[in-house]
Amino acid sequence: MNLDETMQQVRACATRMDAEYGSTVFDEWVVVSLRQPQARVLAYSGPRGQEFRQNFSRDLGTLKGALLTGGHQVGDFEFARHATGTCFEGFMALGSDAYLICNNTSSSMDEIAKNPRWLSAQVPFADLSEKMCARQVMVEA
């Protein structure tokens, strides 16, 4: 799956999640490559633009250890229950050193999960994970 196809799937997932939840779940969706020697943002959808890049290391927050250790299989994901502010709420492995970052810049994952509609909003996210497993994202060097 190329980057454009991936972002189409991400946008469709976001739309379905928001509909199930009744409001915006994640207002930032970002595909990043952590391939060394230089990590880079491959696609960004959200309110912060350049500010996202500038604060990336800080915003990794409690997900930093899990994300940077690597070894994730395509489709693996993790959420940070207590991330606040612009700290990232979750990530999904997309391929070799490629990840989807999900974030709500005004709510924590803990706050999001308190809404009983969060359970049904997770279904599109799980569907996206399955799609990523079926077709690994190809990141250009």
C-alpha atoms as a PDB file:
ATOM      1  CA  MET A   1       0.000   0.000   0.000  1.00  0.00           C
ATOM      2  CA  ASN A   2       1.462   3.377  -0.902  1.00  0.00           C
ATOM      3  CA  LEU A   3       1.259   6.502   1.249  1.00  0.00           C
ATOM      4  CA  ASP A   4      -1.747   7.990  -0.597  1.00  0.00           C
ATOM      5  CA  GLU A   5      -3.709   4.751  -0.200  1.00  0.00           C
ATOM      6  CA  THR A   6      -2.731   4.618   3.461  1.00  0.00           C
ATOM      7  CA  MET A   7      -3.943   8.154   4.099  1.00  0.00           C
ATOM      8  CA  GLN A   8      -7.249   7.390   2.324  1.00  0.00           C
ATOM      9  CA  GLN A   9      -7.721   4.470   4.704  1.00  0.00           C
ATOM     10  CA  VAL A  10      -6.762   6.655   7.691  1.00  0.00           C
ATOM     11  CA  ARG A  11      -9.253   9.379   6.715  1.00  0.00           C
ATOM     12  CA  ALA A  12     -12.005   6.792   6.274  1.00  0.00           C
ATOM     13  CA  CYS A  13     -11.156   5.341   9.688  1.00  0.00           C
ATOM     14  CA  ALA A  14     -11.220   8.787  11.323  1.00  0.00           C
ATOM     15  CA  THR A  15     -14.606   9.566   9.782  1.00  0.00           C
ATOM     16  CA  ARG A  16     -16.067   6.263  10.994  1.00  0.00           C
ATOM     17  CA  MET A  17     -14.556   6.644  14.472  1.00  0.00           C
ATOM     18  CA  ASP A  18     -15.927  10.165  14.849  1.00  0.00           C
ATOM     19  CA  ALA A  19     -19.395   9.038  13.699  1.00  0.00           C
ATOM     20  CA  GLU A  20     -19.409   6.157  16.201  1.00  0.00           C
ATOM     21  CA  TYR A  21     -18.085   8.355  19.005  1.00  0.00           C
ATOM     22  CA  GLY A  22     -20.323  11.338  18.302  1.00  0.00           C
ATOM     23  CA  SER A  23     -17.434  13.826  18.098  1.00  0.00           C
ATOM     24  CA  THR A  24     -13.784  13.947  17.111  1.00  0.00           C
ATOM     25  CA  VAL A  25     -11.728  11.151  18.657  1.00  0.00           C
ATOM     26  CA  PHE A  26      -8.315  12.080  17.240  1.00  0.00           C
ATOM     27  CA  ASP A  27      -7.708  15.448  15.575  1.00  0.00           C
ATOM     28  CA  GLU A  28      -4.156  14.544  14.515  1.00  0.00           C
ATOM     29  CA  TRP A  29      -3.262  11.610  12.273  1.00  0.00           C
ATOM     30  CA  VAL A  30       0.378  11.395  11.232  1.00  0.00           C
ATOM     31  CA  VAL A  31       2.456   8.871   9.308  1.00  0.00           C
ATOM     32  CA  VAL A  32       6.092   8.964  10.350  1.00  0.00           C
ATOM     33  CA  SER A  33       9.185   7.071   9.312  1.00  0.00           C
ATOM     34  CA  LEU A  34      11.607   6.364  12.126  1.00  0.00           C
ATOM     35  CA  ARG A  35      14.183   4.965   9.723  1.00  0.00           C
ATOM     36  CA  GLN A  36      17.658   6.059  10.738  1.00  0.00           C
ATOM     37  CA  PRO A  37      19.560   8.281  10.445  1.00  0.00           C
ATOM     38  CA  GLN A  38      16.666  10.748  10.070  1.00  0.00           C
ATOM     39  CA  ALA A  39      13.095  10.348  11.310  1.00  0.00           C
ATOM     40  CA  ARG A  40      10.609  12.204   9.133  1.00  0.00           C
ATOM     41  CA  VAL A  41       6.957  13.084   8.844  1.00  0.00           C
ATOM     42  CA  LEU A  42       5.530  11.506   5.687  1.00  0.00           C
ATOM     43  CA  ALA A  43       1.933  12.717   6.005  1.00  0.00           C
ATOM     44  CA  TYR A  44       0.158  14.977   8.469  1.00  0.00           C
ATOM     45  CA  SER A  45      -3.495  15.785   9.059  1.00  0.00           C
ATOM     46  CA  GLY A  46      -4.294  18.031  11.995  1.00  0.00           C
ATOM     47  CA  PRO A  47      -4.322  21.508  13.485  1.00  0.00           C
ATOM     48  CA  ARG A  48      -0.623  22.009  14.295  1.00  0.00           C
ATOM     49  CA  GLY A  49       1.377  21.698  11.056  1.00  0.00           C
ATOM     50  CA  GLN A  50       4.990  22.775  11.618  1.00  0.00           C
ATOM     51  CA  GLU A  51       4.480  22.908  15.391  1.00  0.00           C
ATOM     52  CA  PHE A  52       3.947  19.141  15.279  1.00  0.00           C
ATOM     53  CA  ARG A  53       7.438  18.597  13.855  1.00  0.00           C
ATOM     54  CA  GLN A  54       9.047  20.955  16.343  1.00  0.00           C
ATOM     55  CA  ASN A  55       7.487  19.213  19.351  1.00  0.00           C
ATOM     56  CA  PHE A  56       7.633  15.606  18.120  1.00  0.00           C
ATOM     57  CA  SER A  57      10.183  14.348  20.680  1.00  0.00           C
ATOM     58  CA  ARG A  58       8.407  15.994  23.592  1.00  0.00           C
ATOM     59  CA  ASP A  59       4.967  14.839  22.429  1.00  0.00           C
ATOM     60  CA  LEU A  60       6.053  11.193  22.295  1.00  0.00           C
ATOM     61  CA  GLY A  61       5.513  11.319  26.060  1.00  0.00           C
ATOM     62  CA  THR A  62       4.749   7.955  27.634  1.00  0.00           C
ATOM     63  CA  LEU A  63       4.665   6.225  24.230  1.00  0.00           C
ATOM     64  CA  LYS A  64       8.322   7.014  23.567  1.00  0.00           C
ATOM     65  CA  GLY A  65       9.730   3.815  25.037  1.00  0.00           C
ATOM     66  CA  ALA A  66       7.253   1.551  23.255  1.00  0.00           C
ATOM     67  CA  LEU A  67       7.548   3.358  19.936  1.00  0.00           C
ATOM     68  CA  LEU A  68      11.319   3.662  19.808  1.00  0.00           C
ATOM     69  CA  THR A  69      12.057   0.095  20.897  1.00  0.00           C
ATOM     70  CA  GLY A  70      10.641  -1.062  17.586  1.00  0.00           C
ATOM     71  CA  GLY A  71      10.037  -4.725  16.902  1.00  0.00           C
ATOM     72  CA  HIS A  72       6.362  -4.118  16.200  1.00  0.00           C
ATOM     73  CA  GLN A  73       4.473  -6.212  13.712  1.00  0.00           C
ATOM     74  CA  VAL A  74       2.344  -4.442  11.113  1.00  0.00           C
ATOM     75  CA  GLY A  75      -0.998  -3.604  12.690  1.00  0.00           C
ATOM     76  CA  ASP A  76       0.287  -3.617  16.280  1.00  0.00           C
ATOM     77  CA  PHE A  77      -0.957  -0.618  18.217  1.00  0.00           C
ATOM     78  CA  GLU A  78      -0.680   0.901  21.644  1.00  0.00           C
ATOM     79  CA  PHE A  79      -2.473   3.661  23.531  1.00  0.00           C
ATOM     80  CA  ALA A  80      -1.208   5.927  26.310  1.00  0.00           C
ATOM     81  CA  ARG A  81      -4.053   6.175  28.815  1.00  0.00           C
ATOM     82  CA  HIS A  82      -2.786   9.245  30.626  1.00  0.00           C
ATOM     83  CA  ALA A  83      -1.277  11.325  27.830  1.00  0.00           C
ATOM     84  CA  THR A  84      -2.441  14.927  28.167  1.00  0.00           C
ATOM     85  CA  GLY A  85      -2.345  18.013  25.985  1.00  0.00           C
ATOM     86  CA  THR A  86      -0.466  17.429  22.768  1.00  0.00           C
ATOM     87  CA  CYS A  87       1.250  14.224  23.972  1.00  0.00           C
ATOM     88  CA  PHE A  88       0.350  11.412  21.590  1.00  0.00           C
ATOM     89  CA  GLU A  89      -2.502   9.093  22.539  1.00  0.00           C
ATOM     90  CA  GLY A  90      -1.554   6.173  20.348  1.00  0.00           C
ATOM     91  CA  PHE A  91       0.339   4.631  17.481  1.00  0.00           C
ATOM     92  CA  MET A  92      -0.037   1.799  14.993  1.00  0.00           C
ATOM     93  CA  ALA A  93       2.808   0.024  13.223  1.00  0.00           C
ATOM     94  CA  LEU A  94       2.398   0.332   9.449  1.00  0.00           C
ATOM     95  CA  GLY A  95       5.542  -1.305   8.137  1.00  0.00           C
ATOM     96  CA  SER A  96       9.285  -1.282   8.469  1.00  0.00           C
ATOM     97  CA  ASP A  97       9.971   1.721  10.736  1.00  0.00           C
ATOM     98  CA  ALA A  98       6.688   3.386   9.638  1.00  0.00           C
ATOM     99  CA  TYR A  99       4.035   4.332  12.184  1.00  0.00           C
ATOM    100  CA  LEU A 100       0.679   6.044  12.346  1.00  0.00           C
ATOM    101  CA  ILE A 101       0.463   8.472  15.261  1.00  0.00           C
ATOM    102  CA  CYS A 102      -3.028   9.264  16.607  1.00  0.00           C
ATOM    103  CA  ASN A 103      -3.600  12.217  18.861  1.00  0.00           C
ATOM    104  CA  ASN A 104      -6.283  14.376  20.391  1.00  0.00           C
ATOM    105  CA  THR A 105      -4.689  17.738  21.149  1.00  0.00           C
ATOM    106  CA  SER A 106      -7.306  18.700  23.748  1.00  0.00           C
ATOM    107  CA  SER A 107      -8.304  15.441  25.521  1.00  0.00           C
ATOM    108  CA  SER A 108      -6.451  12.566  27.121  1.00  0.00           C
ATOM    109  CA  MET A 109      -7.027   8.940  26.190  1.00  0.00           C
ATOM    110  CA  ASP A 110      -8.419   8.477  29.688  1.00  0.00           C
ATOM    111  CA  GLU A 111     -11.036  11.183  29.034  1.00  0.00           C
ATOM    112  CA  ILE A 112     -11.846   9.748  25.601  1.00  0.00           C
ATOM    113  CA  ALA A 113     -12.320   6.253  27.064  1.00  0.00           C
ATOM    114  CA  LYS A 114     -14.815   7.508  29.673  1.00  0.00           C
ATOM    115  CA  ASN A 115     -17.388   8.029  26.930  1.00  0.00           C
ATOM    116  CA  PRO A 116     -19.378   4.783  26.576  1.00  0.00           C
ATOM    117  CA  ARG A 117     -19.306   5.278  22.797  1.00  0.00           C
ATOM    118  CA  TRP A 118     -15.517   4.728  22.832  1.00  0.00           C
ATOM    119  CA  LEU A 119     -16.090   0.972  22.632  1.00  0.00           C
ATOM    120  CA  SER A 120     -17.893   1.226  19.289  1.00  0.00           C
ATOM    121  CA  ALA A 121     -15.419   3.862  18.047  1.00  0.00           C
ATOM    122  CA  GLN A 122     -12.618   1.305  18.438  1.00  0.00           C
ATOM    123  CA  VAL A 123     -14.122  -0.975  15.778  1.00  0.00           C
ATOM    124  CA  PRO A 124     -13.005   1.192  12.815  1.00  0.00           C
ATOM    125  CA  PHE A 125      -9.528   1.445  14.381  1.00  0.00           C
ATOM    126  CA  ALA A 126      -9.315  -2.341  14.673  1.00  0.00           C
ATOM    127  CA  ASP A 127     -10.524  -2.599  11.066  1.00  0.00           C
ATOM    128  CA  LEU A 128      -7.731  -0.236  10.006  1.00  0.00           C
ATOM    129  CA  SER A 129      -5.223  -2.420  11.852  1.00  0.00           C
ATOM    130  CA  GLU A 130      -6.451  -5.466   9.921  1.00  0.00           C
ATOM    131  CA  LYS A 131      -6.163  -3.593   6.615  1.00  0.00           C
ATOM    132  CA  MET A 132      -2.603  -2.589   7.444  1.00  0.00           C
ATOM    133  CA  CYS A 133      -1.757  -6.227   8.245  1.00  0.00           C
ATOM    134  CA  ALA A 134      -3.103  -7.289   4.868  1.00  0.00           C
ATOM    135  CA  ARG A 135      -1.165  -4.665   2.906  1.00  0.00           C
ATOM    136  CA  GLN A 136       2.033  -3.323   4.474  1.00  0.00           C
ATOM    137  CA  VAL A 137       2.773   0.357   3.878  1.00  0.00           C
ATOM    138  CA  MET A 138       5.712   0.913   1.568  1.00  0.00           C
ATOM    139  CA  VAL A 139       7.809   3.882   2.712  1.00  0.00           C
ATOM    140  CA  GLU A 140      10.080   5.525   0.180  1.00  0.00           C
ATOM    141  CA  ALA A 141      13.746   5.734   1.179  1.00  0.00           C
END
